[in-house]
Amino acid sequence: MNVVPNPVKGNTFKLSSSSAIASKMELVISDMQGRIVKRETIALIAGSNSNDINVSNLAPGTYNVYGIAADERSAVLRFVKQ
C-alpha cells in the first residue's frame, strides 16, 4: 500500500495497493493514540488498485492507515493531514 500525496493537503488521498485476487478490504484509519477515526470497505480487483479516500472529517495531524483483507492485516502506513 502507498499513500499519495503525503502530507495530505486537501480532503482526499490516493491509496495504491495490489491484490492477488478480487476481494474486499476493510480500510482502518487511527489517530496516534490508537483510536479508530474512520473505517471503510473498499472493493479490490486482482492486480493494481487505486482508491480515493476522503479524509475531510479528520483534523490536521498524524494518522495510521492499514487494511484488513482475508483476515490478514497489511503493513501500517503513517500519513500527515495538513
C-alpha atoms as a PDB file:
ATOM      1  CA  MET A   1       0.000   0.000   0.000  1.00  0.00           C
ATOM      2  CA  ASN A   2       1.023   3.575  -0.599  1.00  0.00           C
ATOM      3  CA  VAL A   3      -0.497   6.968   0.329  1.00  0.00           C
ATOM      4  CA  VAL A   4      -0.160   9.829  -2.177  1.00  0.00           C
ATOM      5  CA  PRO A   5       0.268  12.711  -1.514  1.00  0.00           C
ATOM      6  CA  ASN A   6       1.829  12.616   1.915  1.00  0.00           C
ATOM      7  CA  PRO A   7       1.341  15.032   3.590  1.00  0.00           C
ATOM      8  CA  VAL A   8      -2.323  15.213   2.550  1.00  0.00           C
ATOM      9  CA  LYS A   9      -3.129  18.840   1.753  1.00  0.00           C
ATOM     10  CA  GLY A  10      -6.730  18.509   0.535  1.00  0.00           C
ATOM     11  CA  ASN A  11      -9.697  16.386   1.550  1.00  0.00           C
ATOM     12  CA  THR A  12      -8.624  13.164  -0.195  1.00  0.00           C
ATOM     13  CA  PHE A  13      -5.597  10.999  -0.787  1.00  0.00           C
ATOM     14  CA  LYS A  14      -4.999   8.199  -3.248  1.00  0.00           C
ATOM     15  CA  LEU A  15      -4.406   4.763  -1.736  1.00  0.00           C
ATOM     16  CA  SER A  16      -2.476   2.485  -4.076  1.00  0.00           C
ATOM     17  CA  SER A  17      -2.489  -1.226  -3.348  1.00  0.00           C
ATOM     18  CA  SER A  18      -2.223  -4.573  -5.072  1.00  0.00           C
ATOM     19  CA  SER A  19      -4.170  -7.765  -4.607  1.00  0.00           C
ATOM     20  CA  ALA A  20      -3.651 -11.290  -5.891  1.00  0.00           C
ATOM     21  CA  ILE A  21      -7.411 -11.834  -6.174  1.00  0.00           C
ATOM     22  CA  ALA A  22     -10.562  -9.722  -6.354  1.00  0.00           C
ATOM     23  CA  SER A  23     -11.766  -9.161  -2.797  1.00  0.00           C
ATOM     24  CA  LYS A  24     -12.973  -6.603  -0.289  1.00  0.00           C
ATOM     25  CA  MET A  25     -10.623  -4.823   2.099  1.00  0.00           C
ATOM     26  CA  GLU A  26     -11.557  -3.012   5.278  1.00  0.00           C
ATOM     27  CA  LEU A  27      -9.541   0.197   5.471  1.00  0.00           C
ATOM     28  CA  VAL A  28      -8.873   1.450   9.006  1.00  0.00           C
ATOM     29  CA  ILE A  29      -7.517   4.892   9.913  1.00  0.00           C
ATOM     30  CA  SER A  30      -6.485   5.557  13.516  1.00  0.00           C
ATOM     31  CA  ASP A  31      -5.025   8.536  15.329  1.00  0.00           C
ATOM     32  CA  MET A  32      -1.694   8.416  17.156  1.00  0.00           C
ATOM     33  CA  GLN A  33      -3.439   7.312  20.371  1.00  0.00           C
ATOM     34  CA  GLY A  34      -4.769   4.235  18.565  1.00  0.00           C
ATOM     35  CA  ARG A  35      -8.386   5.433  18.402  1.00  0.00           C
ATOM     36  CA  ILE A  36     -10.102   4.392  15.172  1.00  0.00           C
ATOM     37  CA  VAL A  37     -11.345   7.532  13.419  1.00  0.00           C
ATOM     38  CA  LYS A  38     -12.518   6.004  10.114  1.00  0.00           C
ATOM     39  CA  ARG A  39     -13.449   2.598   8.704  1.00  0.00           C
ATOM     40  CA  GLU A  40     -14.320   1.996   5.092  1.00  0.00           C
ATOM     41  CA  THR A  41     -14.788  -1.094   2.928  1.00  0.00           C
ATOM     42  CA  ILE A  42     -13.021  -0.992  -0.427  1.00  0.00           C
ATOM     43  CA  ALA A  43     -13.543  -3.358  -3.354  1.00  0.00           C
ATOM     44  CA  LEU A  44     -10.258  -4.604  -4.794  1.00  0.00           C
ATOM     45  CA  ILE A  45      -9.643  -6.079  -8.206  1.00  0.00           C
ATOM     46  CA  ALA A  46      -6.911  -8.591  -8.948  1.00  0.00           C
ATOM     47  CA  GLY A  47      -3.770  -6.593  -9.706  1.00  0.00           C
ATOM     48  CA  SER A  48      -3.118  -2.907  -9.033  1.00  0.00           C
ATOM     49  CA  ASN A  49      -5.740  -0.751  -7.313  1.00  0.00           C
ATOM     50  CA  SER A  50      -6.044   2.985  -6.777  1.00  0.00           C
ATOM     51  CA  ASN A  51      -8.773   4.316  -4.468  1.00  0.00           C
ATOM     52  CA  ASP A  52      -9.568   7.893  -3.449  1.00  0.00           C
ATOM     53  CA  ILE A  53     -10.008   8.093   0.326  1.00  0.00           C
ATOM     54  CA  ASN A  54     -11.976  11.025   1.755  1.00  0.00           C
ATOM     55  CA  VAL A  55     -10.414  12.424   4.943  1.00  0.00           C
ATOM     56  CA  SER A  56     -12.279  15.745   5.051  1.00  0.00           C
ATOM     57  CA  ASN A  57     -13.676  14.875   8.504  1.00  0.00           C
ATOM     58  CA  LEU A  58     -10.188  14.417  10.019  1.00  0.00           C
ATOM     59  CA  ALA A  59      -8.478  17.220  11.919  1.00  0.00           C
ATOM     60  CA  PRO A  60      -4.925  18.152  10.913  1.00  0.00           C
ATOM     61  CA  GLY A  61      -2.469  15.708  12.446  1.00  0.00           C
ATOM     62  CA  THR A  62      -0.676  12.394  12.018  1.00  0.00           C
ATOM     63  CA  TYR A  63      -2.621   9.183  11.373  1.00  0.00           C
ATOM     64  CA  ASN A  64      -2.009   5.484  10.764  1.00  0.00           C
ATOM     65  CA  VAL A  65      -3.751   3.555   7.995  1.00  0.00           C
ATOM     66  CA  TYR A  66      -3.897  -0.180   7.315  1.00  0.00           C
ATOM     67  CA  GLY A  67      -6.077  -2.652   5.500  1.00  0.00           C
ATOM     68  CA  ILE A  68      -7.606  -5.990   6.516  1.00  0.00           C
ATOM     69  CA  ALA A  69      -8.430  -8.493   3.776  1.00  0.00           C
ATOM     70  CA  ALA A  70      -8.998 -12.250   4.121  1.00  0.00           C
ATOM     71  CA  ASP A  71      -8.171 -11.999   7.856  1.00  0.00           C
ATOM     72  CA  GLU A  72      -4.718 -10.613   7.067  1.00  0.00           C
ATOM     73  CA  ARG A  73      -3.589  -7.154   8.083  1.00  0.00           C
ATOM     74  CA  SER A  74      -1.388  -5.065   5.815  1.00  0.00           C
ATOM     75  CA  ALA A  75       1.589  -3.064   6.970  1.00  0.00           C
ATOM     76  CA  VAL A  76       0.701   0.092   8.862  1.00  0.00           C
ATOM     77  CA  LEU A  77       1.401   3.301   6.966  1.00  0.00           C
ATOM     78  CA  ARG A  78       1.633   6.741   8.527  1.00  0.00           C
ATOM     79  CA  PHE A  79       0.360   9.914   6.877  1.00  0.00           C
ATOM     80  CA  VAL A  80       0.019  13.560   7.857  1.00  0.00           C
ATOM     81  CA  LYS A  81      -3.095  15.606   7.153  1.00  0.00           C
ATOM     82  CA  GLN A  82      -2.414  19.321   6.926  1.00  0.00           C
END
